[in-house]
Each structure stands twice: as C-alpha cells, then as structure tokens.
C-alpha atoms as a PDB file:
ATOM      1  CA  MET A   1      -0.041  -0.096   0.057  1.00  0.00           C
ATOM      2  CA  ALA A   2       1.117   3.323  -0.782  1.00  0.00           C
ATOM      3  CA  GLU A   3       2.272   5.709   1.991  1.00  0.00           C
ATOM      4  CA  VAL A   4       0.010   8.204   3.025  1.00  0.00           C
ATOM      5  CA  SER A   5       1.008  11.071   5.327  1.00  0.00           C
ATOM      6  CA  PRO A   6      -1.840  13.019   7.410  1.00  0.00           C
ATOM      7  CA  LYS A   7       0.262  15.988   6.299  1.00  0.00           C
ATOM      8  CA  ASP A   8      -0.735  15.598   2.733  1.00  0.00           C
ATOM      9  CA  ARG A   9      -3.574  18.084   3.017  1.00  0.00           C
ATOM     10  CA  PHE A  10      -1.900  20.787   5.037  1.00  0.00           C
ATOM     11  CA  VAL A  11       0.948  23.251   4.803  1.00  0.00           C
ATOM     12  CA  THR A  12       2.585  23.639   8.067  1.00  0.00           C
ATOM     13  CA  VAL A  13       3.846  27.065   9.110  1.00  0.00           C
ATOM     14  CA  TYR A  14       5.980  27.300  11.934  1.00  0.00           C
ATOM     15  CA  GLY A  15       7.437  30.309  13.747  1.00  0.00           C
ATOM     16  CA  ARG A  16       5.352  32.829  15.881  1.00  0.00           C
ATOM     17  CA  ASN A  17       5.163  35.709  13.220  1.00  0.00           C
ATOM     18  CA  PRO A  18       4.126  33.294  10.184  1.00  0.00           C
ATOM     19  CA  VAL A  19       1.548  31.683  12.548  1.00  0.00           C
ATOM     20  CA  ILE A  20       0.302  35.093  13.267  1.00  0.00           C
ATOM     21  CA  GLU A  21       0.256  35.946   9.611  1.00  0.00           C
ATOM     22  CA  VAL A  22      -1.896  32.886   8.697  1.00  0.00           C
ATOM     23  CA  LEU A  23      -4.292  33.141  11.728  1.00  0.00           C
ATOM     24  CA  ASP A  24      -4.871  36.902  10.703  1.00  0.00           C
ATOM     25  CA  ASP A  25      -5.773  36.108   7.093  1.00  0.00           C
ATOM     26  CA  ALA A  26      -9.434  35.378   6.987  1.00  0.00           C
ATOM     27  CA  SER A  27      -9.161  33.642   3.428  1.00  0.00           C
ATOM     28  CA  LEU A  28      -7.095  30.823   5.077  1.00  0.00           C
ATOM     29  CA  VAL A  29      -8.492  27.638   6.896  1.00  0.00           C
ATOM     30  CA  VAL A  30      -6.219  26.899   9.852  1.00  0.00           C
ATOM     31  CA  ASP A  31      -6.796  23.285  10.958  1.00  0.00           C
ATOM     32  CA  LYS A  32      -5.052  23.718  14.487  1.00  0.00           C
ATOM     33  CA  VAL A  33      -2.284  25.371  16.203  1.00  0.00           C
ATOM     34  CA  VAL A  34       0.222  23.356  18.268  1.00  0.00           C
ATOM     35  CA  LEU A  35       2.019  25.164  20.917  1.00  0.00           C
ATOM     36  CA  ALA A  36       4.906  23.908  23.107  1.00  0.00           C
ATOM     37  CA  ASP A  37       4.236  23.703  26.941  1.00  0.00           C
ATOM     38  CA  GLY A  38       5.701  26.660  28.565  1.00  0.00           C
ATOM     39  CA  ALA A  39       5.793  28.960  25.675  1.00  0.00           C
ATOM     40  CA  ARG A  40       5.682  32.433  26.523  1.00  0.00           C
ATOM     41  CA  GLY A  41       6.910  35.893  25.494  1.00  0.00           C
ATOM     42  CA  HIS A  42       6.564  37.689  22.008  1.00  0.00           C
ATOM     43  CA  GLY A  43       3.478  36.636  19.986  1.00  0.00           C
ATOM     44  CA  VAL A  44       1.962  33.830  22.153  1.00  0.00           C
ATOM     45  CA  GLY A  45      -0.641  35.987  23.687  1.00  0.00           C
ATOM     46  CA  GLU A  46      -1.435  37.432  20.006  1.00  0.00           C
ATOM     47  CA  ILE A  47      -1.644  33.664  18.738  1.00  0.00           C
ATOM     48  CA  LEU A  48      -4.013  32.423  21.620  1.00  0.00           C
ATOM     49  CA  GLU A  49      -6.111  35.377  21.086  1.00  0.00           C
ATOM     50  CA  LEU A  50      -6.468  35.064  17.234  1.00  0.00           C
ATOM     51  CA  ALA A  51      -6.940  31.230  17.500  1.00  0.00           C
ATOM     52  CA  ARG A  52      -9.794  31.904  19.986  1.00  0.00           C
ATOM     53  CA  ASP A  53     -11.471  34.548  17.718  1.00  0.00           C
ATOM     54  CA  ARG A  54     -11.516  32.254  14.809  1.00  0.00           C
ATOM     55  CA  GLY A  55     -12.438  29.183  16.591  1.00  0.00           C
ATOM     56  CA  VAL A  56      -9.024  27.302  15.784  1.00  0.00           C
ATOM     57  CA  PRO A  57      -8.070  24.605  18.398  1.00  0.00           C
ATOM     58  CA  VAL A  58      -4.909  25.089  20.225  1.00  0.00           C
ATOM     59  CA  GLN A  59      -3.207  21.968  21.130  1.00  0.00           C
ATOM     60  CA  ARG A  60      -0.185  21.639  23.717  1.00  0.00           C
ATOM     61  CA  ALA A  61       2.840  19.477  23.256  1.00  0.00           C
ATOM     62  CA  SER A  62       6.263  18.918  24.501  1.00  0.00           C
ATOM     63  CA  VAL A  63       8.971  21.064  23.085  1.00  0.00           C
ATOM     64  CA  GLU A  64      10.632  18.036  21.635  1.00  0.00           C
ATOM     65  CA  ARG A  65       7.127  17.186  20.062  1.00  0.00           C
ATOM     66  CA  VAL A  66       6.454  20.360  18.390  1.00  0.00           C
ATOM     67  CA  LYS A  67      10.158  20.281  16.881  1.00  0.00           C
ATOM     68  CA  LYS A  68       9.607  16.894  15.361  1.00  0.00           C
ATOM     69  CA  LEU A  69       6.070  17.997  14.056  1.00  0.00           C
ATOM     70  CA  ALA A  70       7.009  21.361  12.622  1.00  0.00           C
ATOM     71  CA  GLY A  71      10.099  19.847  10.939  1.00  0.00           C
ATOM     72  CA  ASN A  72      12.341  22.495  11.841  1.00  0.00           C
ATOM     73  CA  GLY A  73      13.659  22.567  15.371  1.00  0.00           C
ATOM     74  CA  ARG A  74      15.892  25.675  15.102  1.00  0.00           C
ATOM     75  CA  GLN A  75      13.215  28.105  13.865  1.00  0.00           C
ATOM     76  CA  ASP A  76       9.771  26.948  14.963  1.00  0.00           C
ATOM     77  CA  GLN A  77       9.877  29.070  18.150  1.00  0.00           C
ATOM     78  CA  GLY A  78       7.480  26.469  19.934  1.00  0.00           C
ATOM     79  CA  VAL A  79       4.683  26.850  17.702  1.00  0.00           C
ATOM     80  CA  PHE A  80       3.290  25.671  14.382  1.00  0.00           C
ATOM     81  CA  ALA A  81      -0.044  25.779  12.451  1.00  0.00           C
ATOM     82  CA  ASP A  82      -1.438  23.150   9.946  1.00  0.00           C
ATOM     83  CA  VAL A  83      -3.166  25.438   7.148  1.00  0.00           C
ATOM     84  CA  VAL A  84      -5.582  23.662   4.957  1.00  0.00           C
ATOM     85  CA  ALA A  85      -4.455  23.644   1.360  1.00  0.00           C
ATOM     86  CA  PRO A  86      -7.592  22.868  -0.695  1.00  0.00           C
ATOM     87  CA  ARG A  87      -5.892  21.656  -3.767  1.00  0.00           C
ATOM     88  CA  MET A  88      -3.377  19.477  -2.097  1.00  0.00           C
ATOM     89  CA  ARG A  89      -3.910  15.609  -2.297  1.00  0.00           C
ATOM     90  CA  PRO A  90      -2.066  12.358  -2.363  1.00  0.00           C
ATOM     91  CA  LEU A  91      -0.758  11.534  -5.970  1.00  0.00           C
ATOM     92  CA  ALA A  92      -2.251   8.304  -5.499  1.00  0.00           C
ATOM     93  CA  ASP A  93      -5.744   9.958  -5.276  1.00  0.00           C
ATOM     94  CA  ALA A  94      -5.051  12.331  -8.147  1.00  0.00           C
ATOM     95  CA  LEU A  95      -4.191   9.543 -10.750  1.00  0.00           C
ATOM     96  CA  ASP A  96      -7.929   8.789 -10.791  1.00  0.00           C
ATOM     97  CA  ASP A  97      -8.732  12.128 -11.886  1.00  0.00           C
ATOM     98  CA  PRO A  98      -9.787  12.043 -15.325  1.00  0.00           C
ATOM     99  CA  HIS A  99      -8.765  16.080 -15.595  1.00  0.00           C
ATOM    100  CA  LEU A 100      -5.206  15.438 -14.793  1.00  0.00           C
ATOM    101  CA  HIS A 101      -3.347  15.808 -17.848  1.00  0.00           C
ATOM    102  CA  GLN A 102      -0.228  18.264 -17.461  1.00  0.00           C
ATOM    103  CA  VAL A 103       1.861  17.592 -14.529  1.00  0.00           C
ATOM    104  CA  VAL A 104       5.142  18.912 -13.177  1.00  0.00           C
ATOM    105  CA  LEU A 105       7.495  16.404 -11.253  1.00  0.00           C
ATOM    106  CA  VAL A 106      10.112  18.176  -8.656  1.00  0.00           C
ATOM    107  CA  ASP A 107      13.032  15.936  -8.409  1.00  0.00           C
ATOM    108  CA  GLY A 108      15.842  17.082  -5.935  1.00  0.00           C
ATOM    109  CA  VAL A 109      14.973  20.505  -5.810  1.00  0.00           C
ATOM    110  CA  THR A 110      16.219  21.576  -2.089  1.00  0.00           C
ATOM    111  CA  THR A 111      16.351  25.299  -2.180  1.00  0.00           C
ATOM    112  CA  PRO A 112      13.167  26.637  -0.765  1.00  0.00           C
ATOM    113  CA  ALA A 113      13.237  29.823  -2.927  1.00  0.00           C
ATOM    114  CA  ASN A 114      13.339  27.513  -6.012  1.00  0.00           C
ATOM    115  CA  LEU A 115      10.318  25.397  -4.766  1.00  0.00           C
ATOM    116  CA  GLY A 116       8.242  28.344  -4.114  1.00  0.00           C
ATOM    117  CA  MET A 117       8.954  29.952  -7.548  1.00  0.00           C
ATOM    118  CA  ILE A 118       8.079  26.480  -9.138  1.00  0.00           C
ATOM    119  CA  LEU A 119       4.880  26.391  -6.997  1.00  0.00           C
ATOM    120  CA  ARG A 120       3.814  29.964  -8.214  1.00  0.00           C
ATOM    121  CA  THR A 121       4.796  29.558 -11.723  1.00  0.00           C
ATOM    122  CA  ALA A 122       3.104  26.364 -12.389  1.00  0.00           C
ATOM    123  CA  THR A 123       0.053  27.208 -10.655  1.00  0.00           C
ATOM    124  CA  ALA A 124       0.049  30.563 -12.817  1.00  0.00           C
ATOM    125  CA  ALA A 125       0.281  28.455 -15.959  1.00  0.00           C
ATOM    126  CA  GLY A 126      -2.613  26.222 -14.893  1.00  0.00           C
ATOM    127  CA  ILE A 127      -0.618  22.965 -14.645  1.00  0.00           C
ATOM    128  CA  ASP A 128      -3.005  20.122 -13.347  1.00  0.00           C
ATOM    129  CA  GLY A 129      -0.568  18.982 -10.640  1.00  0.00           C
ATOM    130  CA  ILE A 130       2.743  19.687  -9.097  1.00  0.00           C
ATOM    131  CA  VAL A 131       4.484  16.482  -7.474  1.00  0.00           C
ATOM    132  CA  VAL A 132       6.441  17.752  -4.406  1.00  0.00           C
ATOM    133  CA  PRO A 133       7.776  14.320  -2.778  1.00  0.00           C
ATOM    134  CA  ARG A 134       7.991  14.281   0.991  1.00  0.00           C
ATOM    135  CA  ARG A 135      11.715  13.101   0.751  1.00  0.00           C
ATOM    136  CA  GLY A 136      14.618  14.584  -1.192  1.00  0.00           C
ATOM    137  CA  VAL A 137      12.674  18.012  -1.752  1.00  0.00           C
ATOM    138  CA  ALA A 138      12.446  20.997   0.223  1.00  0.00           C
ATOM    139  CA  SER A 139       9.517  21.086   2.678  1.00  0.00           C
ATOM    140  CA  ILE A 140       6.891  23.437   2.069  1.00  0.00           C
ATOM    141  CA  ASP A 141       7.672  25.638   5.053  1.00  0.00           C
ATOM    142  CA  PRO A 142       7.473  29.417   5.490  1.00  0.00           C
ATOM    143  CA  MET A 143      10.326  30.121   3.201  1.00  0.00           C
ATOM    144  CA  VAL A 144       8.820  28.271   0.347  1.00  0.00           C
ATOM    145  CA  VAL A 145       5.198  30.052   1.227  1.00  0.00           C
ATOM    146  CA  LYS A 146       7.014  33.455   1.080  1.00  0.00           C
ATOM    147  CA  ALA A 147       8.995  32.574  -2.244  1.00  0.00           C
ATOM    148  CA  SER A 148       5.769  31.639  -3.899  1.00  0.00           C
ATOM    149  CA  ALA A 149       3.931  34.560  -2.678  1.00  0.00           C
ATOM    150  CA  GLY A 150       1.380  32.557  -0.829  1.00  0.00           C
ATOM    151  CA  VAL A 151       0.554  30.613  -3.822  1.00  0.00           C
ATOM    152  CA  ALA A 152       1.818  27.524  -1.894  1.00  0.00           C
ATOM    153  CA  PHE A 153      -1.328  27.377   0.188  1.00  0.00           C
ATOM    154  CA  ARG A 154      -3.532  27.220  -3.077  1.00  0.00           C
ATOM    155  CA  ALA A 155      -1.339  25.534  -5.502  1.00  0.00           C
ATOM    156  CA  PRO A 156      -2.493  21.956  -7.026  1.00  0.00           C
ATOM    157  CA  ILE A 157       0.259  20.001  -4.909  1.00  0.00           C
ATOM    158  CA  LEU A 158       0.317  16.208  -5.154  1.00  0.00           C
ATOM    159  CA  LYS A 159       2.258  14.412  -2.460  1.00  0.00           C
ATOM    160  CA  VAL A 160       4.022  11.071  -2.569  1.00  0.00           C
ATOM    161  CA  ALA A 161       6.712   9.561  -0.567  1.00  0.00           C
ATOM    162  CA  THR A 162       9.842   9.796  -3.244  1.00  0.00           C
ATOM    163  CA  ALA A 163      10.258  11.399  -6.835  1.00  0.00           C
ATOM    164  CA  GLY A 164      11.151   7.701  -8.052  1.00  0.00           C
ATOM    165  CA  GLU A 165       7.763   6.207  -6.804  1.00  0.00           C
ATOM    166  CA  ALA A 166       5.992   9.344  -8.341  1.00  0.00           C
ATOM    167  CA  ALA A 167       7.595   8.603 -11.795  1.00  0.00           C
ATOM    168  CA  ALA A 168       6.859   4.898 -11.779  1.00  0.00           C
ATOM    169  CA  TRP A 169       3.029   5.529 -10.886  1.00  0.00           C
ATOM    170  CA  LEU A 170       2.888   8.051 -13.393  1.00  0.00           C
ATOM    171  CA  ALA A 171       4.452   6.005 -15.988  1.00  0.00           C
ATOM    172  CA  ARG A 172       2.173   3.112 -15.460  1.00  0.00           C
ATOM    173  CA  ALA A 173      -0.721   5.377 -15.516  1.00  0.00           C
ATOM    174  CA  GLY A 174       0.270   6.208 -19.353  1.00  0.00           C
ATOM    175  CA  PHE A 175       1.982   9.542 -18.725  1.00  0.00           C
ATOM    176  CA  HIS A 176       4.796  10.634 -21.159  1.00  0.00           C
ATOM    177  CA  LEU A 177       7.595  11.767 -18.854  1.00  0.00           C
ATOM    178  CA  VAL A 178       9.792  14.535 -20.294  1.00  0.00           C
ATOM    179  CA  GLY A 179      13.153  14.886 -18.555  1.00  0.00           C
ATOM    180  CA  LEU A 180      14.878  18.439 -18.979  1.00  0.00           C
ATOM    181  CA  ALA A 181      18.798  18.098 -19.910  1.00  0.00           C
ATOM    182  CA  ALA A 182      21.002  20.260 -21.650  1.00  0.00           C
ATOM    183  CA  ASP A 183      21.849  17.491 -24.270  1.00  0.00           C
ATOM    184  CA  GLY A 184      18.266  16.744 -24.750  1.00  0.00           C
ATOM    185  CA  SER A 185      17.359  15.215 -28.200  1.00  0.00           C
ATOM    186  CA  SER A 186      14.836  17.680 -29.156  1.00  0.00           C
ATOM    187  CA  SER A 187      13.857  21.387 -27.973  1.00  0.00           C
ATOM    188  CA  VAL A 188      11.070  22.010 -25.678  1.00  0.00           C
ATOM    189  CA  PHE A 189       9.577  24.280 -28.238  1.00  0.00           C
ATOM    190  CA  ASP A 190       8.880  21.532 -31.004  1.00  0.00           C
ATOM    191  CA  ALA A 191       9.071  18.219 -29.128  1.00  0.00           C
ATOM    192  CA  PRO A 192       6.092  16.236 -29.767  1.00  0.00           C
ATOM    193  CA  TRP A 193       4.271  15.617 -26.519  1.00  0.00           C
ATOM    194  CA  PRO A 194       0.860  13.845 -25.861  1.00  0.00           C
ATOM    195  CA  GLU A 195      -1.912  15.229 -23.711  1.00  0.00           C
ATOM    196  CA  ASN A 196      -0.775  13.379 -20.752  1.00  0.00           C
ATOM    197  CA  VAL A 197       2.682  14.778 -19.793  1.00  0.00           C
ATOM    198  CA  VAL A 198       4.910  15.139 -17.028  1.00  0.00           C
ATOM    199  CA  LEU A 199       7.596  17.496 -17.084  1.00  0.00           C
ATOM    200  CA  VAL A 200      10.425  16.522 -14.792  1.00  0.00           C
ATOM    201  CA  LEU A 201      12.550  19.196 -12.948  1.00  0.00           C
ATOM    202  CA  GLY A 202      15.811  17.764 -11.590  1.00  0.00           C
ATOM    203  CA  SER A 203      18.084  19.378  -9.246  1.00  0.00           C
ATOM    204  CA  GLU A 204      20.765  21.952 -10.714  1.00  0.00           C
ATOM    205  CA  THR A 205      23.596  20.154  -9.194  1.00  0.00           C
ATOM    206  CA  TYR A 206      22.731  16.510 -10.103  1.00  0.00           C
ATOM    207  CA  GLY A 207      19.905  16.849 -12.676  1.00  0.00           C
ATOM    208  CA  VAL A 208      17.246  14.144 -12.750  1.00  0.00           C
ATOM    209  CA  SER A 209      17.786  11.100 -10.248  1.00  0.00           C
ATOM    210  CA  ALA A 210      18.604   7.729 -11.580  1.00  0.00           C
ATOM    211  CA  ASP A 211      15.366   6.245 -10.170  1.00  0.00           C
ATOM    212  CA  VAL A 212      13.360   8.843 -12.029  1.00  0.00           C
ATOM    213  CA  ALA A 213      15.553   8.761 -15.325  1.00  0.00           C
ATOM    214  CA  GLU A 214      14.481   5.304 -15.834  1.00  0.00           C
ATOM    215  CA  HIS A 215      10.993   5.947 -16.444  1.00  0.00           C
ATOM    216  CA  ILE A 216      11.683   9.089 -18.567  1.00  0.00           C
ATOM    217  CA  SER A 217      10.041   8.657 -22.172  1.00  0.00           C
ATOM    218  CA  SER A 218      11.991  11.569 -23.838  1.00  0.00           C
ATOM    219  CA  TRP A 219      14.585  14.302 -23.127  1.00  0.00           C
ATOM    220  CA  ALA A 220      14.213  17.921 -24.111  1.00  0.00           C
ATOM    221  CA  SER A 221      16.480  20.877 -23.680  1.00  0.00           C
ATOM    222  CA  ILE A 222      16.004  24.837 -23.611  1.00  0.00           C
ATOM    223  CA  PRO A 223      17.746  26.347 -26.660  1.00  0.00           C
ATOM    224  CA  MET A 224      20.448  28.624 -25.282  1.00  0.00           C
ATOM    225  CA  ALA A 225      22.640  31.476 -26.743  1.00  0.00           C
ATOM    226  CA  GLY A 226      25.511  33.751 -25.684  1.00  0.00           C
ATOM    227  CA  GLY A 227      27.291  30.987 -24.064  1.00  0.00           C
ATOM    228  CA  VAL A 228      24.819  30.142 -21.181  1.00  0.00           C
ATOM    229  CA  ASP A 229      24.798  26.545 -20.614  1.00  0.00           C
ATOM    230  CA  SER A 230      22.073  26.348 -18.138  1.00  0.00           C
ATOM    231  CA  LEU A 231      18.998  28.232 -16.174  1.00  0.00           C
ATOM    232  CA  ASN A 232      17.982  28.475 -12.754  1.00  0.00           C
ATOM    233  CA  VAL A 233      15.392  25.453 -12.183  1.00  0.00           C
ATOM    234  CA  SER A 234      13.037  27.874 -11.418  1.00  0.00           C
ATOM    235  CA  ALA A 235      13.406  29.762 -14.609  1.00  0.00           C
ATOM    236  CA  ALA A 236      13.363  26.469 -16.505  1.00  0.00           C
ATOM    237  CA  ALA A 237      10.150  25.674 -14.869  1.00  0.00           C
ATOM    238  CA  ALA A 238       8.892  28.887 -16.262  1.00  0.00           C
ATOM    239  CA  VAL A 239       9.784  28.238 -19.828  1.00  0.00           C
ATOM    240  CA  VAL A 240       8.379  24.760 -19.970  1.00  0.00           C
ATOM    241  CA  CYS A 241       5.294  25.382 -18.120  1.00  0.00           C
ATOM    242  CA  PHE A 242       4.291  28.434 -20.409  1.00  0.00           C
ATOM    243  CA  GLU A 243       5.116  26.317 -23.392  1.00  0.00           C
ATOM    244  CA  LEU A 244       2.330  24.253 -22.377  1.00  0.00           C
ATOM    245  CA  VAL A 245       0.358  27.272 -22.118  1.00  0.00           C
ATOM    246  CA  ARG A 246       1.214  28.217 -25.676  1.00  0.00           C
ATOM    247  CA  ARG A 247       0.549  24.755 -27.176  1.00  0.00           C
ATOM    248  CA  SER A 248      -2.887  24.695 -25.363  1.00  0.00           C
ATOM    249  CA  MET A 249      -3.761  28.273 -26.810  1.00  0.00           C
ATOM    250  CA  PRO A 250      -5.214  27.382 -30.168  1.00  0.00           C
ATOM    251  CA  GLN A 251      -7.525  24.819 -28.660  1.00  0.00           C
ATOM    252  CA  LEU A 252      -8.815  27.859 -26.351  1.00  0.00           C
ATOM    253  CA  LEU A 253      -9.417  30.339 -29.218  1.00  0.00           C
END
C-alpha cells in the first residue's frame, strides 16, 4: 500500500510571526495550532487570542514534539499551525482524476526559494498537478510560502513519498515523462508531447535522479545562446510550463 501522510492536505507553518500571519488571514483555513508547553513571550498571547477569535483549536505538546512535528527545530519558536491546502492531495488519489493531464514532477530541488517559485509559476500556468515528494525535496515551509508569494497554500500539490515512486506510478498510468537536460534530443519548443505529459525538473547540481530517469520517455532541452549553458531550475520551470500554455492556446480560441 502507498505511504500516505496525514500532512498530505496541510501546509505546516512554523514560527510565531508566520503563525500570526496565517491566523490573521481570513482567506486561509487553519486546522489547528500546536504550542509548546511553557511557551511564553513575544507573540504567544496574540496567537492564543487570534486562534480563539477564529475558533481554531490550540493543542499543547512538549518542546521536543513540536520540533519534530514542525520539521524545523531551530526556527519553530515553539509553535506551528497546519493550514488547509484545498488543492493538495496524495498523488495516488489524483491518478484517478480524468482531468489530470499536465503534471510537473519536482525531483531533488532542495532550495526553498526555487521550490516556491516553481509552485507559483506552475500554478499560474494552469498546470493540473505539481508533484512535491516528501523526501529529497525542500519541505513546504514558511520560506517556500514566502517565495511563492502565498500561492503555495492554493497550488495543486500532489504528495508522494519519493520522486522515483511518483515517476513509476505516472508511467504506469500512461503519462509521457519528459526530462529536461542540456543535451536533450529535441527542443522543448518543438518536441511532440501527448496530452498526458509530466515535465520532470531535476536538481541544478545532479539533474534528474537515476530512479526517475529510468521512467523518462524523452529528453528535451531549452535552446541557449550567448554562452549560457543552463538556467536556474525555477526559470526553466517557467519556460516549459508556459510552453504548455502556448501549445494549448489554439484549442482555447
């Protein structure tokens, strides 16, 4: 059975100011706040007041438990909030969705700023699903949320244990996986892609991982000039996501 995490429907925000910000945003649904035993000082009173006003349950836990659940022991400041992400769901569930056609798979992208920008770009381009594995990729935390300008809360994120598992499932479901590489056999602007396509974004250092590469159907490159041999992964994401938008435009007119 596929591994499913209870966090697959939430974005966890830690730190006192970030928790205050989400509690103060009426457009966000906060499932719960978890506060460390004995937490006091800056922001604690405001967090309790905002949570009470909005009817958000506040749970108490040990300092160690909060650190573990928040996923960042150095910056959690003794508090985190689980924010409902309405479009986040397990990849296993999404595979049964007949409207899932264009997918981005994030593989080995560990820089929060890059992941945040990918979420913002892919969502803006109308991508049906953005696969963000729980392992091997930056966690969706306050830094990612900030880089996405808040879009991370509403992005169509699909959760799975690893990128390799995601690639295997998507390939078995009939998706055509396209890996981005400088030596790709065709340009992203003229490569023939079917309706059900997965754009794989590998890390800038190591590229697409081996367990994902074995499921790649074709490799494509972004044409470069001026002696430039690569783009930041978030910039590459913008190019390929909006290339899909361009291809769909004739059907939309």
